[in-house]
Amino acid sequence: MVTTTNAALLRLLQLASPALPVGAYSYSEGLETLVHSGVIQSASDLEHWLIQELRYGAVRVEAAIMLRSHRASDLTQIHYWNDWLTATRETEELRSQSLQMGRSLLQLFQNLDPTSALNIQHSALSTSCHFAIAFGFVASAWNIEASVAAIAYLQSWATNLVSAGVKLIPLGQTAGQQLLLKLGDVIDAASSDIAQLSDDQMEACGWGLSIASMNHETLYSRLFRS
């Protein structure tokens, strides 16, 4: 059983909060395209999409990279996985989102915890750091246990996309919360599975997401950033 101190739990809640000012709310990760094209039209459609992403999609790889960042023993490993993640981002939109959010989180951490040794160690990444990388070493710096950080990362991702679905489909706020509740067991199972992935098992089947992301910028009007 994993135990978490009250201090670490409070830090975890802050790190995974929708109020964290990293700009996650401005991205839909392809959902806007999918709603516009009629692929996603209801809460059940969105639930199916998110479950498939948690089981087979790119967010699994992101969470696995986050764990490697959390456990990295030196800056060389951090740079390796940061470059690896850059190379695997299939669209400019997804890559830009990941880098913008990572840069924002790293800068926020530097302001919140300026005396941390990690601020010196990772200053070279400040302009080109993926969100999964930043999330991992901030969680490590705040003594948040790796498996708990993985669940928080996936929950934060799901919360952002459910919020996007509430606006786009649209859904009621209660329906959105019901969907998040349903995803709980899937997130738990996904986090356990991700923790067991070896380096050569980090793969995803996300061509649907990639196509939706590539087509997003051509929509006539958009609520979310492309």
Protein backbone atom coordinates (compact mmCIF):
# COMPACT_ATOMS: atom_id res chain seq x y z
CA MET A 1 0.00 0.00 0.00
CA VAL A 2 1.30 3.46 -0.96
CA THR A 3 1.23 6.02 1.83
CA THR A 4 1.27 9.75 1.15
CA THR A 5 2.03 12.43 3.72
CA ASN A 6 -0.39 15.31 4.10
CA ALA A 7 2.21 17.69 2.72
CA ALA A 8 2.77 15.55 -0.39
CA LEU A 9 -1.00 15.13 -0.84
CA LEU A 10 -1.52 18.88 -0.79
CA ARG A 11 1.26 19.34 -3.34
CA LEU A 12 -0.30 16.60 -5.49
CA LEU A 13 -3.70 18.29 -5.42
CA GLN A 14 -2.08 21.55 -6.46
CA LEU A 15 -0.08 19.93 -9.27
CA ALA A 16 -3.12 18.11 -10.71
CA SER A 17 -5.57 20.97 -10.20
CA PRO A 18 -7.43 22.40 -13.23
CA ALA A 19 -6.49 25.79 -11.76
CA LEU A 20 -2.78 25.15 -12.38
CA PRO A 21 -1.82 27.99 -14.77
CA VAL A 22 -0.20 25.97 -17.54
CA GLY A 23 -2.84 26.53 -20.24
CA ALA A 24 -4.31 23.02 -20.40
CA TYR A 25 -7.83 24.44 -20.66
CA SER A 26 -7.02 26.02 -24.06
CA TYR A 27 -6.45 22.67 -25.83
CA SER A 28 -8.93 19.98 -26.90
CA GLU A 29 -6.45 17.37 -28.28
CA GLY A 30 -8.54 16.67 -31.35
CA LEU A 31 -11.93 16.66 -29.61
CA GLU A 32 -13.07 19.86 -31.32
CA THR A 33 -12.49 18.26 -34.73
CA LEU A 34 -14.23 15.05 -33.67
CA VAL A 35 -17.29 16.90 -32.36
CA HIS A 36 -17.41 19.08 -35.48
CA SER A 37 -17.30 16.00 -37.74
CA GLY A 38 -19.95 14.15 -35.71
CA VAL A 39 -17.69 11.37 -34.45
CA ILE A 40 -18.36 12.44 -30.86
CA GLN A 41 -21.92 13.58 -30.17
CA SER A 42 -22.74 12.38 -26.66
CA ALA A 43 -21.32 11.55 -23.26
CA SER A 44 -21.11 7.87 -24.23
CA ASP A 45 -19.15 8.74 -27.37
CA LEU A 46 -16.70 10.79 -25.33
CA GLU A 47 -16.44 8.02 -22.74
CA HIS A 48 -15.57 5.49 -25.43
CA TRP A 49 -12.93 7.80 -26.94
CA LEU A 50 -11.25 8.50 -23.60
CA ILE A 51 -11.25 4.82 -22.60
CA GLN A 52 -9.58 3.85 -25.88
CA GLU A 53 -6.97 6.60 -25.41
CA LEU A 54 -6.24 5.39 -21.87
CA ARG A 55 -5.86 1.82 -23.07
CA TYR A 56 -4.02 2.32 -26.35
CA GLY A 57 -3.33 6.01 -26.97
CA ALA A 58 -0.50 8.48 -26.68
CA VAL A 59 -1.37 9.49 -23.11
CA ARG A 60 -0.03 6.10 -22.00
CA VAL A 61 3.36 6.95 -23.47
CA GLU A 62 3.26 10.41 -21.91
CA ALA A 63 2.55 8.94 -18.49
CA ALA A 64 5.36 6.40 -18.93
CA ILE A 65 7.74 9.24 -19.81
CA MET A 66 6.53 11.13 -16.75
CA LEU A 67 7.50 8.17 -14.57
CA ARG A 68 10.95 8.04 -16.15
CA SER A 69 11.40 11.75 -15.49
CA HIS A 70 10.29 11.21 -11.89
CA ARG A 71 12.87 8.47 -11.40
CA ALA A 72 15.72 9.97 -13.47
CA SER A 73 19.04 10.05 -11.66
CA ASP A 74 20.75 12.65 -13.84
CA LEU A 75 20.15 15.36 -16.41
CA THR A 76 21.32 13.16 -19.28
CA GLN A 77 18.33 10.86 -18.80
CA ILE A 78 15.98 13.84 -18.63
CA HIS A 79 17.32 15.21 -21.93
CA TYR A 80 17.10 11.79 -23.57
CA TRP A 81 13.43 11.30 -22.74
CA ASN A 82 12.58 14.90 -23.55
CA ASP A 83 14.11 14.48 -27.03
CA TRP A 84 12.43 11.07 -27.39
CA LEU A 85 9.03 12.59 -26.68
CA THR A 86 9.65 15.41 -29.16
CA ALA A 87 10.38 12.84 -31.87
CA THR A 88 7.17 10.90 -31.19
CA ARG A 89 4.73 13.82 -31.30
CA GLU A 90 2.83 13.19 -34.55
CA THR A 91 1.53 16.71 -35.16
CA GLU A 92 2.81 20.22 -34.69
CA GLU A 93 -0.27 21.05 -32.60
CA LEU A 94 0.33 18.23 -30.11
CA ARG A 95 4.04 18.98 -29.91
CA SER A 96 3.46 22.70 -29.37
CA GLN A 97 0.89 21.99 -26.67
CA SER A 98 3.21 19.65 -24.81
CA LEU A 99 6.15 22.07 -24.97
CA GLN A 100 4.10 25.15 -24.04
CA MET A 101 2.55 23.44 -21.01
CA GLY A 102 5.90 22.00 -19.94
CA ARG A 103 7.61 25.36 -20.21
CA SER A 104 4.81 26.99 -18.21
CA LEU A 105 4.95 24.36 -15.46
CA LEU A 106 8.72 24.58 -15.18
CA GLN A 107 8.63 28.37 -14.95
CA LEU A 108 5.85 28.17 -12.35
CA PHE A 109 7.87 25.68 -10.29
CA GLN A 110 10.90 27.95 -10.43
CA ASN A 111 8.76 30.76 -9.00
CA LEU A 112 7.08 28.58 -6.37
CA ASP A 113 10.20 26.81 -5.17
CA PRO A 114 13.19 29.00 -6.14
CA THR A 115 15.60 27.34 -3.68
CA SER A 116 15.12 23.83 -5.07
CA ALA A 117 18.23 22.21 -6.50
CA LEU A 118 16.10 21.02 -9.39
CA ASN A 119 15.73 24.61 -10.57
CA ILE A 120 19.46 24.74 -11.17
CA GLN A 121 19.68 21.20 -12.50
CA HIS A 122 16.90 21.61 -15.05
CA SER A 123 17.36 25.26 -16.02
CA ALA A 124 18.69 24.12 -19.43
CA LEU A 125 15.25 22.69 -20.23
CA SER A 126 13.34 25.85 -19.37
CA THR A 127 12.63 26.78 -23.00
CA SER A 128 12.07 23.29 -24.41
CA CYS A 129 10.53 20.98 -21.84
CA HIS A 130 7.57 18.68 -22.41
CA PHE A 131 4.75 18.70 -19.89
CA ALA A 132 5.22 15.02 -18.97
CA ILE A 133 8.89 15.68 -18.20
CA ALA A 134 8.12 18.77 -16.11
CA PHE A 135 5.30 17.01 -14.25
CA GLY A 136 7.57 14.11 -13.36
CA PHE A 137 10.42 16.04 -11.84
CA VAL A 138 8.13 18.53 -10.06
CA ALA A 139 6.33 15.56 -8.51
CA SER A 140 9.70 14.11 -7.51
CA ALA A 141 10.87 17.42 -6.04
CA TRP A 142 7.68 17.61 -3.99
CA ASN A 143 8.12 14.03 -2.70
CA ILE A 144 5.01 12.73 -4.44
CA GLU A 145 5.28 8.96 -4.87
CA ALA A 146 5.60 7.87 -8.51
CA SER A 147 2.52 5.65 -8.72
CA VAL A 148 0.35 8.35 -7.17
CA ALA A 149 1.80 10.92 -9.58
CA ALA A 150 0.85 8.65 -12.51
CA ILE A 151 -2.77 8.48 -11.40
CA ALA A 152 -2.82 12.25 -10.93
CA TYR A 153 -1.33 12.80 -14.40
CA LEU A 154 -4.00 10.66 -16.06
CA GLN A 155 -6.79 12.16 -13.97
CA SER A 156 -5.66 15.68 -14.86
CA TRP A 157 -5.59 14.74 -18.56
CA ALA A 158 -9.09 13.22 -18.37
CA THR A 159 -10.47 16.18 -16.44
CA ASN A 160 -9.24 18.61 -19.08
CA LEU A 161 -10.77 16.65 -21.96
CA VAL A 162 -14.06 16.10 -20.15
CA SER A 163 -14.20 19.86 -19.54
CA ALA A 164 -13.60 20.38 -23.26
CA GLY A 165 -16.41 17.93 -24.01
CA VAL A 166 -18.78 19.77 -21.68
CA LYS A 167 -18.25 22.91 -23.77
CA LEU A 168 -18.17 21.33 -27.21
CA ILE A 169 -20.86 18.63 -27.33
CA PRO A 170 -22.26 20.24 -25.10
CA LEU A 171 -22.76 18.28 -21.87
CA GLY A 172 -24.14 19.32 -18.52
CA GLN A 173 -21.72 19.72 -15.63
CA THR A 174 -23.29 16.75 -13.83
CA ALA A 175 -22.88 14.55 -16.91
CA GLY A 176 -19.23 15.56 -17.04
CA GLN A 177 -18.67 14.58 -13.43
CA GLN A 178 -20.50 11.30 -13.94
CA LEU A 179 -18.15 10.54 -16.82
CA LEU A 180 -15.07 11.28 -14.72
CA LEU A 181 -16.41 8.97 -12.03
CA LYS A 182 -16.88 6.18 -14.59
CA LEU A 183 -13.30 6.63 -15.78
CA GLY A 184 -11.88 6.01 -12.31
CA ASP A 185 -11.37 2.26 -12.66
CA VAL A 186 -9.94 2.65 -16.18
CA ILE A 187 -7.45 5.28 -14.96
CA ASP A 188 -6.44 3.04 -12.05
CA ALA A 189 -5.89 0.05 -14.35
CA ALA A 190 -4.03 2.16 -16.91
CA SER A 191 -1.66 3.61 -14.30
CA SER A 192 -0.79 0.12 -13.05
CA ASP A 193 -0.19 -1.11 -16.59
CA ILE A 194 1.92 1.92 -17.52
CA ALA A 195 4.16 1.41 -14.49
CA GLN A 196 5.13 -2.00 -15.87
CA LEU A 197 6.05 -0.84 -19.38
CA SER A 198 9.65 -1.41 -20.41
CA ASP A 199 11.37 1.06 -22.72
CA ASP A 200 10.74 -1.09 -25.79
CA GLN A 201 7.04 -1.45 -24.94
CA MET A 202 6.27 2.26 -25.13
CA GLU A 203 4.05 2.41 -28.17
CA ALA A 204 0.62 3.80 -28.98
CA CYS A 205 -2.07 3.42 -31.63
CA GLY A 206 -3.24 7.00 -32.07
CA TRP A 207 -3.83 7.66 -35.76
CA GLY A 208 -7.37 8.87 -35.01
CA LEU A 209 -6.02 11.49 -32.64
CA SER A 210 -3.30 12.47 -35.10
CA ILE A 211 -5.75 13.01 -37.97
CA ALA A 212 -8.13 14.97 -35.74
CA SER A 213 -5.26 17.13 -34.52
CA MET A 214 -3.96 17.81 -38.05
CA ASN A 215 -7.43 18.82 -39.25
CA HIS A 216 -8.14 21.06 -36.28
CA GLU A 217 -6.48 24.16 -37.70
CA THR A 218 -8.67 24.02 -40.83
CA LEU A 219 -11.98 24.28 -38.96
CA TYR A 220 -14.00 27.36 -39.85
CA SER A 221 -14.22 28.43 -36.22
CA ARG A 222 -12.51 27.12 -33.10
CA LEU A 223 -12.96 27.44 -29.36
CA PHE A 224 -9.64 25.76 -28.64
CA ARG A 225 -6.06 26.54 -29.58
CA SER A 226 -4.57 24.94 -32.68
